[in-house]
């Protein structure tokens, strides 16, 4: 039975990924991200303009069935299509499983009426992951973050804060992805202050970089993303995500410079690195800090 549910979640994620690809490829800077006139209508090949049949639009399968090429003009299809679809399939599978483990709501407990709030929590985090994918790919291509996506994270983060507030006592550690390690860094147990501190640290730190570099190192969209992400994760979870994002971004930059694909003067979009840092904190934050403290004890 569980395997059927997992398979259904993966297929649902593939479908969501297919929709995200439509939004990503039809988005134009300055326009509304979810303009129905642009994201509606039949799908066409971006090279020859041929309207695609349903066989050519099956998530993941169609790309490999057509060997990565348009069936009509034989032009190569972007690898972004299967990548985004697979990422979403993985997310729709991994997020519910991980949260079930984190909150110890597994098996028959999943269907208890008193755990209905947990369904909402899963849905909210799935929506947040979808927003992260949109931000990462748009920032990579256009070096900007649509404001409606930052607003989406802020609103969803606020709902998560409320869920944590009303279910704080039964789950004292599960609301931090660092679990009991959060006690080492936290100086308050107030849920609202924990998230407010995360927002202030993110906004002030990125805002300072933005001002000192005169917007050359960071765009203001990055500042807003850091603020709403700090509100979403709270302290100290966002602190770890921030450290990981700068480590990953620094290593990737050095690799590109070594390969002579970028120079020290070139810009890199930072949002994908911040999102990767948050993703690692979400799934592996506890293990990463455990590894770090084990190194210190050697």
C-alpha atoms as a PDB file:
ATOM      1  CA  UNK A   1       0.000   0.000   0.000  1.00  0.00           C
ATOM      2  CA  UNK A   2       2.810   2.411   0.928  1.00  0.00           C
ATOM      3  CA  UNK A   3       4.535   1.772  -2.389  1.00  0.00           C
ATOM      4  CA  UNK A   4       1.378   2.741  -4.289  1.00  0.00           C
ATOM      5  CA  UNK A   5       1.195   5.990  -2.313  1.00  0.00           C
ATOM      6  CA  UNK A   6       4.881   6.689  -2.999  1.00  0.00           C
ATOM      7  CA  UNK A   7       4.397   6.003  -6.705  1.00  0.00           C
ATOM      8  CA  UNK A   8       1.371   8.317  -6.793  1.00  0.00           C
ATOM      9  CA  UNK A   9       3.324  11.085  -5.035  1.00  0.00           C
ATOM     10  CA  UNK A  10       6.189  10.743  -7.516  1.00  0.00           C
ATOM     11  CA  UNK A  11       3.795  10.975 -10.487  1.00  0.00           C
ATOM     12  CA  UNK A  12       2.101  13.982  -8.889  1.00  0.00           C
ATOM     13  CA  UNK A  13       5.506  15.615  -8.517  1.00  0.00           C
ATOM     14  CA  UNK A  14       6.355  14.947 -12.170  1.00  0.00           C
ATOM     15  CA  UNK A  15       3.114  16.661 -13.203  1.00  0.00           C
ATOM     16  CA  UNK A  16       3.878  19.643 -10.961  1.00  0.00           C
ATOM     17  CA  UNK A  17       7.345  19.819 -12.518  1.00  0.00           C
ATOM     18  CA  UNK A  18       5.833  19.865 -15.994  1.00  0.00           C
ATOM     19  CA  UNK A  19       3.692  22.857 -14.975  1.00  0.00           C
ATOM     20  CA  UNK A  20       6.721  24.641 -13.496  1.00  0.00           C
ATOM     21  CA  UNK A  21       8.556  24.224 -16.798  1.00  0.00           C
ATOM     22  CA  UNK A  22       5.674  25.966 -18.574  1.00  0.00           C
ATOM     23  CA  UNK A  23       5.891  28.865 -16.099  1.00  0.00           C
ATOM     24  CA  UNK A  24       9.694  29.047 -16.334  1.00  0.00           C
ATOM     25  CA  UNK A  25       9.980  28.995 -20.119  1.00  0.00           C
ATOM     26  CA  UNK A  26       7.127  31.460 -20.679  1.00  0.00           C
ATOM     27  CA  UNK A  27       8.195  33.949 -18.019  1.00  0.00           C
ATOM     28  CA  UNK A  28       9.448  37.353 -19.158  1.00  0.00           C
ATOM     29  CA  UNK A  29      11.150  39.806 -16.752  1.00  0.00           C
ATOM     30  CA  UNK A  30       8.844  42.594 -15.682  1.00  0.00           C
ATOM     31  CA  UNK A  31       5.690  40.602 -16.411  1.00  0.00           C
ATOM     32  CA  UNK A  32       3.500  38.754 -13.940  1.00  0.00           C
ATOM     33  CA  UNK A  33       4.882  35.297 -13.263  1.00  0.00           C
ATOM     34  CA  UNK A  34       1.461  33.642 -13.373  1.00  0.00           C
ATOM     35  CA  UNK A  35      -0.045  35.558 -16.301  1.00  0.00           C
ATOM     36  CA  UNK A  36      -2.790  33.201 -17.499  1.00  0.00           C
ATOM     37  CA  UNK A  37      -2.519  34.533 -21.052  1.00  0.00           C
ATOM     38  CA  UNK A  38       1.117  33.429 -21.190  1.00  0.00           C
ATOM     39  CA  UNK A  39       1.037  30.168 -19.280  1.00  0.00           C
ATOM     40  CA  UNK A  40      -2.260  29.098 -20.863  1.00  0.00           C
ATOM     41  CA  UNK A  41      -2.637  27.726 -24.359  1.00  0.00           C
ATOM     42  CA  UNK A  42      -1.122  24.775 -26.197  1.00  0.00           C
ATOM     43  CA  UNK A  43       2.530  23.838 -25.778  1.00  0.00           C
ATOM     44  CA  UNK A  44       4.768  24.326 -28.801  1.00  0.00           C
ATOM     45  CA  UNK A  45       8.314  23.472 -29.773  1.00  0.00           C
ATOM     46  CA  UNK A  46      10.419  26.589 -29.013  1.00  0.00           C
ATOM     47  CA  UNK A  47      12.394  26.034 -32.239  1.00  0.00           C
ATOM     48  CA  UNK A  48       9.868  25.187 -34.976  1.00  0.00           C
ATOM     49  CA  UNK A  49       6.650  26.320 -33.273  1.00  0.00           C
ATOM     50  CA  UNK A  50       4.901  22.987 -33.888  1.00  0.00           C
ATOM     51  CA  UNK A  51       2.013  22.288 -31.484  1.00  0.00           C
ATOM     52  CA  UNK A  52       2.942  19.291 -29.333  1.00  0.00           C
ATOM     53  CA  UNK A  53       0.677  16.264 -28.928  1.00  0.00           C
ATOM     54  CA  UNK A  54      -0.068  14.618 -25.580  1.00  0.00           C
ATOM     55  CA  UNK A  55       2.531  11.918 -26.340  1.00  0.00           C
ATOM     56  CA  UNK A  56       5.206  14.608 -26.456  1.00  0.00           C
ATOM     57  CA  UNK A  57       4.145  16.110 -23.127  1.00  0.00           C
ATOM     58  CA  UNK A  58       4.346  13.113 -20.793  1.00  0.00           C
ATOM     59  CA  UNK A  59       6.638  14.244 -17.943  1.00  0.00           C
ATOM     60  CA  UNK A  60      10.112  12.675 -18.047  1.00  0.00           C
ATOM     61  CA  UNK A  61       9.072   9.832 -20.381  1.00  0.00           C
ATOM     62  CA  UNK A  62       8.606  11.968 -23.514  1.00  0.00           C
ATOM     63  CA  UNK A  63      12.086  13.488 -23.269  1.00  0.00           C
ATOM     64  CA  UNK A  64      13.823  10.099 -23.301  1.00  0.00           C
ATOM     65  CA  UNK A  65      11.351   8.578 -25.774  1.00  0.00           C
ATOM     66  CA  UNK A  66      12.244  11.376 -28.214  1.00  0.00           C
ATOM     67  CA  UNK A  67      15.957  11.033 -27.337  1.00  0.00           C
ATOM     68  CA  UNK A  68      16.111  14.631 -26.173  1.00  0.00           C
ATOM     69  CA  UNK A  69      15.047  16.048 -29.552  1.00  0.00           C
ATOM     70  CA  UNK A  70      11.929  17.578 -31.057  1.00  0.00           C
ATOM     71  CA  UNK A  71      10.113  14.917 -33.093  1.00  0.00           C
ATOM     72  CA  UNK A  72       9.358  17.455 -35.839  1.00  0.00           C
ATOM     73  CA  UNK A  73      12.510  19.578 -36.332  1.00  0.00           C
ATOM     74  CA  UNK A  74      15.077  17.362 -34.549  1.00  0.00           C
ATOM     75  CA  UNK A  75      16.384  20.306 -32.518  1.00  0.00           C
ATOM     76  CA  UNK A  76      17.658  19.465 -29.046  1.00  0.00           C
ATOM     77  CA  UNK A  77      15.243  19.858 -26.131  1.00  0.00           C
ATOM     78  CA  UNK A  78      16.591  21.651 -23.066  1.00  0.00           C
ATOM     79  CA  UNK A  79      17.714  19.377 -20.231  1.00  0.00           C
ATOM     80  CA  UNK A  80      15.819  21.711 -17.920  1.00  0.00           C
ATOM     81  CA  UNK A  81      12.597  19.858 -18.805  1.00  0.00           C
ATOM     82  CA  UNK A  82      13.523  16.437 -17.359  1.00  0.00           C
ATOM     83  CA  UNK A  83      15.638  17.989 -14.598  1.00  0.00           C
ATOM     84  CA  UNK A  84      12.798  20.112 -13.177  1.00  0.00           C
ATOM     85  CA  UNK A  85      10.321  17.238 -13.563  1.00  0.00           C
ATOM     86  CA  UNK A  86      12.581  14.753 -11.784  1.00  0.00           C
ATOM     87  CA  UNK A  87      13.410  17.235  -9.011  1.00  0.00           C
ATOM     88  CA  UNK A  88       9.720  17.749  -8.352  1.00  0.00           C
ATOM     89  CA  UNK A  89       9.060  14.008  -8.403  1.00  0.00           C
ATOM     90  CA  UNK A  90      11.799  13.537  -5.814  1.00  0.00           C
ATOM     91  CA  UNK A  91      10.511  16.442  -3.695  1.00  0.00           C
ATOM     92  CA  UNK A  92       6.918  15.161  -3.639  1.00  0.00           C
ATOM     93  CA  UNK A  93       8.260  11.802  -2.493  1.00  0.00           C
ATOM     94  CA  UNK A  94      10.978  12.903  -0.054  1.00  0.00           C
ATOM     95  CA  UNK A  95       9.272  15.773   1.785  1.00  0.00           C
ATOM     96  CA  UNK A  96       6.259  13.791   3.141  1.00  0.00           C
ATOM     97  CA  UNK A  97       8.488  10.846   4.086  1.00  0.00           C
ATOM     98  CA  UNK A  98      11.018  13.069   5.860  1.00  0.00           C
ATOM     99  CA  UNK A  99       8.420  15.121   7.739  1.00  0.00           C
ATOM    100  CA  UNK A 100       6.641  11.914   8.821  1.00  0.00           C
ATOM    101  CA  UNK A 101       9.941  10.720  10.267  1.00  0.00           C
ATOM    102  CA  UNK A 102      10.738  14.100  11.861  1.00  0.00           C
ATOM    103  CA  UNK A 103       7.375  14.401  13.643  1.00  0.00           C
ATOM    104  CA  UNK A 104       7.094  10.654  14.292  1.00  0.00           C
ATOM    105  CA  UNK A 105       3.717  10.511  12.538  1.00  0.00           C
ATOM    106  CA  UNK A 106       3.962   7.237  10.659  1.00  0.00           C
ATOM    107  CA  UNK A 107       1.792   4.291   9.686  1.00  0.00           C
ATOM    108  CA  UNK A 108      -1.730   4.382  11.116  1.00  0.00           C
ATOM    109  CA  UNK A 109      -0.956   7.603  13.047  1.00  0.00           C
ATOM    110  CA  UNK A 110      -0.929   9.449   9.725  1.00  0.00           C
ATOM    111  CA  UNK A 111      -4.707   8.968   9.433  1.00  0.00           C
ATOM    112  CA  UNK A 112      -5.693  10.099  12.945  1.00  0.00           C
ATOM    113  CA  UNK A 113      -8.029  13.109  12.969  1.00  0.00           C
ATOM    114  CA  UNK A 114      -5.855  14.983  15.503  1.00  0.00           C
ATOM    115  CA  UNK A 115      -2.992  14.921  12.995  1.00  0.00           C
ATOM    116  CA  UNK A 116      -4.857  16.707  10.226  1.00  0.00           C
ATOM    117  CA  UNK A 117      -2.675  19.778  10.786  1.00  0.00           C
ATOM    118  CA  UNK A 118       0.206  17.627   9.539  1.00  0.00           C
ATOM    119  CA  UNK A 119      -1.390  17.301   6.076  1.00  0.00           C
ATOM    120  CA  UNK A 120      -1.408  21.091   5.847  1.00  0.00           C
ATOM    121  CA  UNK A 121       2.236  21.256   6.921  1.00  0.00           C
ATOM    122  CA  UNK A 122       3.248  18.816   4.176  1.00  0.00           C
ATOM    123  CA  UNK A 123       1.314  20.797   1.562  1.00  0.00           C
ATOM    124  CA  UNK A 124       2.901  24.077   2.675  1.00  0.00           C
ATOM    125  CA  UNK A 125       6.430  22.694   2.470  1.00  0.00           C
ATOM    126  CA  UNK A 126       5.732  21.213  -0.971  1.00  0.00           C
ATOM    127  CA  UNK A 127       4.589  24.651  -2.158  1.00  0.00           C
ATOM    128  CA  UNK A 128       7.728  26.216  -0.677  1.00  0.00           C
ATOM    129  CA  UNK A 129       9.931  23.749  -2.562  1.00  0.00           C
ATOM    130  CA  UNK A 130       8.084  24.584  -5.795  1.00  0.00           C
ATOM    131  CA  UNK A 131       8.739  28.280  -5.167  1.00  0.00           C
ATOM    132  CA  UNK A 132      12.409  27.541  -4.511  1.00  0.00           C
ATOM    133  CA  UNK A 133      12.735  25.816  -7.871  1.00  0.00           C
ATOM    134  CA  UNK A 134      11.107  28.764  -9.644  1.00  0.00           C
ATOM    135  CA  UNK A 135      13.407  31.230  -7.877  1.00  0.00           C
ATOM    136  CA  UNK A 136      16.564  29.213  -8.565  1.00  0.00           C
ATOM    137  CA  UNK A 137      15.969  28.819 -12.301  1.00  0.00           C
ATOM    138  CA  UNK A 138      14.684  32.366 -12.852  1.00  0.00           C
ATOM    139  CA  UNK A 139      17.582  33.913 -10.924  1.00  0.00           C
ATOM    140  CA  UNK A 140      20.048  31.743 -12.829  1.00  0.00           C
ATOM    141  CA  UNK A 141      18.675  32.958 -16.164  1.00  0.00           C
ATOM    142  CA  UNK A 142      17.688  36.575 -15.496  1.00  0.00           C
ATOM    143  CA  UNK A 143      19.537  37.558 -12.289  1.00  0.00           C
ATOM    144  CA  UNK A 144      16.288  38.569 -10.603  1.00  0.00           C
ATOM    145  CA  UNK A 145      13.698  37.185  -8.205  1.00  0.00           C
ATOM    146  CA  UNK A 146      10.019  37.911  -8.946  1.00  0.00           C
ATOM    147  CA  UNK A 147       8.545  39.698  -5.892  1.00  0.00           C
ATOM    148  CA  UNK A 148       5.442  37.489  -5.834  1.00  0.00           C
ATOM    149  CA  UNK A 149       7.658  34.487  -5.033  1.00  0.00           C
ATOM    150  CA  UNK A 150       9.195  36.236  -2.016  1.00  0.00           C
ATOM    151  CA  UNK A 151       5.689  37.148  -0.870  1.00  0.00           C
ATOM    152  CA  UNK A 152       4.678  33.503  -1.297  1.00  0.00           C
ATOM    153  CA  UNK A 153       7.491  32.344   1.002  1.00  0.00           C
ATOM    154  CA  UNK A 154       6.581  34.991   3.588  1.00  0.00           C
ATOM    155  CA  UNK A 155       2.899  33.998   3.653  1.00  0.00           C
ATOM    156  CA  UNK A 156       3.607  30.260   3.782  1.00  0.00           C
ATOM    157  CA  UNK A 157       6.296  30.833   6.406  1.00  0.00           C
ATOM    158  CA  UNK A 158       3.788  32.755   8.539  1.00  0.00           C
ATOM    159  CA  UNK A 159       1.376  29.814   8.396  1.00  0.00           C
ATOM    160  CA  UNK A 160       4.188  27.471   9.491  1.00  0.00           C
ATOM    161  CA  UNK A 161       4.979  29.775  12.432  1.00  0.00           C
ATOM    162  CA  UNK A 162       1.330  29.603  13.523  1.00  0.00           C
ATOM    163  CA  UNK A 163       1.308  25.792  13.227  1.00  0.00           C
ATOM    164  CA  UNK A 164       4.465  25.635  15.341  1.00  0.00           C
ATOM    165  CA  UNK A 165       2.944  27.949  17.946  1.00  0.00           C
ATOM    166  CA  UNK A 166      -0.185  25.825  18.418  1.00  0.00           C
ATOM    167  CA  UNK A 167       1.672  22.476  18.372  1.00  0.00           C
ATOM    168  CA  UNK A 168       4.805  23.504  20.249  1.00  0.00           C
ATOM    169  CA  UNK A 169       4.440  21.387  23.405  1.00  0.00           C
ATOM    170  CA  UNK A 170       3.990  17.928  21.798  1.00  0.00           C
ATOM    171  CA  UNK A 171       6.948  18.541  19.457  1.00  0.00           C
ATOM    172  CA  UNK A 172       9.591  20.590  21.316  1.00  0.00           C
ATOM    173  CA  UNK A 173      12.524  19.773  19.008  1.00  0.00           C
ATOM    174  CA  UNK A 174      10.919  18.744  15.726  1.00  0.00           C
ATOM    175  CA  UNK A 175      10.194  22.346  14.732  1.00  0.00           C
ATOM    176  CA  UNK A 176      13.912  22.868  14.237  1.00  0.00           C
ATOM    177  CA  UNK A 177      15.584  20.784  11.554  1.00  0.00           C
ATOM    178  CA  UNK A 178      18.647  20.834  13.828  1.00  0.00           C
ATOM    179  CA  UNK A 179      16.576  19.193  16.587  1.00  0.00           C
ATOM    180  CA  UNK A 180      18.301  19.340  20.000  1.00  0.00           C
ATOM    181  CA  UNK A 181      21.349  21.106  18.528  1.00  0.00           C
ATOM    182  CA  UNK A 182      19.130  24.181  18.237  1.00  0.00           C
ATOM    183  CA  UNK A 183      19.322  24.508  22.048  1.00  0.00           C
ATOM    184  CA  UNK A 184      23.064  25.214  21.767  1.00  0.00           C
ATOM    185  CA  UNK A 185      22.460  28.369  19.708  1.00  0.00           C
ATOM    186  CA  UNK A 186      19.016  29.550  20.811  1.00  0.00           C
ATOM    187  CA  UNK A 187      18.565  32.087  23.603  1.00  0.00           C
ATOM    188  CA  UNK A 188      14.753  32.066  23.583  1.00  0.00           C
ATOM    189  CA  UNK A 189      11.985  29.484  23.377  1.00  0.00           C
ATOM    190  CA  UNK A 190       9.426  31.915  21.952  1.00  0.00           C
ATOM    191  CA  UNK A 191       8.461  30.671  18.481  1.00  0.00           C
ATOM    192  CA  UNK A 192       7.761  34.156  17.123  1.00  0.00           C
ATOM    193  CA  UNK A 193      11.074  35.565  18.364  1.00  0.00           C
ATOM    194  CA  UNK A 194      12.987  32.598  16.935  1.00  0.00           C
ATOM    195  CA  UNK A 195      11.595  33.304  13.471  1.00  0.00           C
ATOM    196  CA  UNK A 196      11.880  37.080  13.826  1.00  0.00           C
ATOM    197  CA  UNK A 197      15.563  36.741  14.739  1.00  0.00           C
ATOM    198  CA  UNK A 198      16.108  34.596  11.635  1.00  0.00           C
ATOM    199  CA  UNK A 199      14.399  37.220   9.459  1.00  0.00           C
ATOM    200  CA  UNK A 200      16.408  40.098  10.953  1.00  0.00           C
ATOM    201  CA  UNK A 201      19.718  38.263  10.594  1.00  0.00           C
ATOM    202  CA  UNK A 202      18.974  37.395   6.965  1.00  0.00           C
ATOM    203  CA  UNK A 203      17.673  40.836   6.031  1.00  0.00           C
ATOM    204  CA  UNK A 204      20.345  42.852   7.859  1.00  0.00           C
ATOM    205  CA  UNK A 205      23.276  40.690   6.740  1.00  0.00           C
ATOM    206  CA  UNK A 206      22.286  40.694   3.070  1.00  0.00           C
ATOM    207  CA  UNK A 207      21.170  44.318   3.287  1.00  0.00           C
ATOM    208  CA  UNK A 208      24.618  45.311   4.546  1.00  0.00           C
ATOM    209  CA  UNK A 209      26.287  43.477   1.651  1.00  0.00           C
ATOM    210  CA  UNK A 210      23.854  45.168  -0.753  1.00  0.00           C
ATOM    211  CA  UNK A 211      24.633  48.657   0.592  1.00  0.00           C
ATOM    212  CA  UNK A 212      28.406  48.262   0.955  1.00  0.00           C
ATOM    213  CA  UNK A 213      28.783  46.792  -2.546  1.00  0.00           C
ATOM    214  CA  UNK A 214      26.365  49.365  -4.009  1.00  0.00           C
ATOM    215  CA  UNK A 215      24.207  46.515  -5.366  1.00  0.00           C
ATOM    216  CA  UNK A 216      27.128  44.930  -7.231  1.00  0.00           C
ATOM    217  CA  UNK A 217      27.479  41.841  -4.997  1.00  0.00           C
ATOM    218  CA  UNK A 218      23.784  41.358  -4.196  1.00  0.00           C
ATOM    219  CA  UNK A 219      20.519  42.482  -5.742  1.00  0.00           C
ATOM    220  CA  UNK A 220      17.700  43.763  -3.558  1.00  0.00           C
ATOM    221  CA  UNK A 221      15.705  40.658  -4.493  1.00  0.00           C
ATOM    222  CA  UNK A 222      18.385  38.625  -2.665  1.00  0.00           C
ATOM    223  CA  UNK A 223      17.928  40.831   0.413  1.00  0.00           C
ATOM    224  CA  UNK A 224      14.171  40.211   0.405  1.00  0.00           C
ATOM    225  CA  UNK A 225      14.707  36.475  -0.172  1.00  0.00           C
ATOM    226  CA  UNK A 226      17.093  36.316   2.806  1.00  0.00           C
ATOM    227  CA  UNK A 227      14.567  38.147   5.007  1.00  0.00           C
ATOM    228  CA  UNK A 228      11.604  35.896   4.168  1.00  0.00           C
ATOM    229  CA  UNK A 229      13.798  32.764   4.288  1.00  0.00           C
ATOM    230  CA  UNK A 230      15.039  33.746   7.745  1.00  0.00           C
ATOM    231  CA  UNK A 231      11.405  34.167   8.787  1.00  0.00           C
ATOM    232  CA  UNK A 232      10.574  30.753   7.321  1.00  0.00           C
ATOM    233  CA  UNK A 233      13.427  28.812   8.955  1.00  0.00           C
ATOM    234  CA  UNK A 234      14.029  30.834  12.088  1.00  0.00           C
ATOM    235  CA  UNK A 235      17.219  30.899  14.113  1.00  0.00           C
ATOM    236  CA  UNK A 236      19.541  28.946  14.208  1.00  0.00           C
ATOM    237  CA  UNK A 237      18.353  26.892  11.214  1.00  0.00           C
ATOM    238  CA  UNK A 238      18.728  29.816   8.834  1.00  0.00           C
ATOM    239  CA  UNK A 239      22.204  30.493  10.217  1.00  0.00           C
ATOM    240  CA  UNK A 240      23.330  27.041   9.087  1.00  0.00           C
ATOM    241  CA  UNK A 241      21.636  27.503   5.696  1.00  0.00           C
ATOM    242  CA  UNK A 242      23.471  30.809   5.297  1.00  0.00           C
ATOM    243  CA  UNK A 243      26.876  29.284   6.103  1.00  0.00           C
ATOM    244  CA  UNK A 244      26.279  26.356   3.736  1.00  0.00           C
ATOM    245  CA  UNK A 245      25.159  28.674   0.922  1.00  0.00           C
ATOM    246  CA  UNK A 246      28.351  30.752   1.112  1.00  0.00           C
ATOM    247  CA  UNK A 247      30.542  27.633   1.254  1.00  0.00           C
ATOM    248  CA  UNK A 248      28.798  26.084  -1.766  1.00  0.00           C
ATOM    249  CA  UNK A 249      28.783  29.384  -3.669  1.00  0.00           C
ATOM    250  CA  UNK A 250      32.468  29.993  -2.934  1.00  0.00           C
ATOM    251  CA  UNK A 251      33.543  26.502  -3.996  1.00  0.00           C
ATOM    252  CA  UNK A 252      31.442  26.654  -7.184  1.00  0.00           C
ATOM    253  CA  UNK A 253      32.867  30.083  -8.053  1.00  0.00           C
ATOM    254  CA  UNK A 254      36.437  28.829  -7.645  1.00  0.00           C
ATOM    255  CA  UNK A 255      35.682  25.832  -9.868  1.00  0.00           C
ATOM    256  CA  UNK A 256      34.301  28.100 -12.618  1.00  0.00           C
ATOM    257  CA  UNK A 257      37.307  30.420 -12.327  1.00  0.00           C
ATOM    258  CA  UNK A 258      39.711  27.461 -12.446  1.00  0.00           C
ATOM    259  CA  UNK A 259      37.960  26.167 -15.579  1.00  0.00           C
ATOM    260  CA  UNK A 260      38.157  29.725 -17.012  1.00  0.00           C
ATOM    261  CA  UNK A 261      34.397  29.884 -17.493  1.00  0.00           C
ATOM    262  CA  UNK A 262      34.139  32.870 -15.148  1.00  0.00           C
ATOM    263  CA  UNK A 263      36.461  35.599 -13.898  1.00  0.00           C
ATOM    264  CA  UNK A 264      36.580  37.381 -10.542  1.00  0.00           C
ATOM    265  CA  UNK A 265      34.691  40.287 -12.109  1.00  0.00           C
ATOM    266  CA  UNK A 266      31.767  38.181 -13.357  1.00  0.00           C
ATOM    267  CA  UNK A 267      28.470  37.987 -11.477  1.00  0.00           C
ATOM    268  CA  UNK A 268      26.854  34.808 -10.232  1.00  0.00           C
ATOM    269  CA  UNK A 269      23.226  34.504  -9.108  1.00  0.00           C
ATOM    270  CA  UNK A 270      23.236  33.830  -5.373  1.00  0.00           C
ATOM    271  CA  UNK A 271      19.658  32.616  -4.892  1.00  0.00           C
ATOM    272  CA  UNK A 272      20.392  29.064  -6.173  1.00  0.00           C
ATOM    273  CA  UNK A 273      23.162  28.705  -3.564  1.00  0.00           C
ATOM    274  CA  UNK A 274      20.959  30.025  -0.754  1.00  0.00           C
ATOM    275  CA  UNK A 275      18.193  27.636  -1.775  1.00  0.00           C
ATOM    276  CA  UNK A 276      20.641  24.726  -1.890  1.00  0.00           C
ATOM    277  CA  UNK A 277      21.830  25.690   1.607  1.00  0.00           C
ATOM    278  CA  UNK A 278      18.228  25.699   2.853  1.00  0.00           C
ATOM    279  CA  UNK A 279      17.511  22.379   1.154  1.00  0.00           C
ATOM    280  CA  UNK A 280      20.539  20.786   2.858  1.00  0.00           C
ATOM    281  CA  UNK A 281      19.469  22.269   6.196  1.00  0.00           C
ATOM    282  CA  UNK A 282      15.949  20.893   5.722  1.00  0.00           C
ATOM    283  CA  UNK A 283      17.033  17.324   4.994  1.00  0.00           C
ATOM    284  CA  UNK A 284      20.507  17.046   6.569  1.00  0.00           C
ATOM    285  CA  UNK A 285      20.896  19.933   9.020  1.00  0.00           C
ATOM    286  CA  UNK A 286      20.921  17.653  12.067  1.00  0.00           C
ATOM    287  CA  UNK A 287      23.490  15.306  10.529  1.00  0.00           C
ATOM    288  CA  UNK A 288      25.722  18.175   9.348  1.00  0.00           C
ATOM    289  CA  UNK A 289      25.876  19.731  12.822  1.00  0.00           C
ATOM    290  CA  UNK A 290      26.403  16.300  14.365  1.00  0.00           C
ATOM    291  CA  UNK A 291      29.392  15.762  12.069  1.00  0.00           C
ATOM    292  CA  UNK A 292      30.726  19.237  12.941  1.00  0.00           C
ATOM    293  CA  UNK A 293      30.504  18.690  16.703  1.00  0.00           C
ATOM    294  CA  UNK A 294      32.102  15.256  16.363  1.00  0.00           C
ATOM    295  CA  UNK A 295      35.056  16.900  14.609  1.00  0.00           C
ATOM    296  CA  UNK A 296      35.401  19.389  17.469  1.00  0.00           C
ATOM    297  CA  UNK A 297      35.442  16.583  20.027  1.00  0.00           C
ATOM    298  CA  UNK A 298      38.313  14.737  18.298  1.00  0.00           C
END
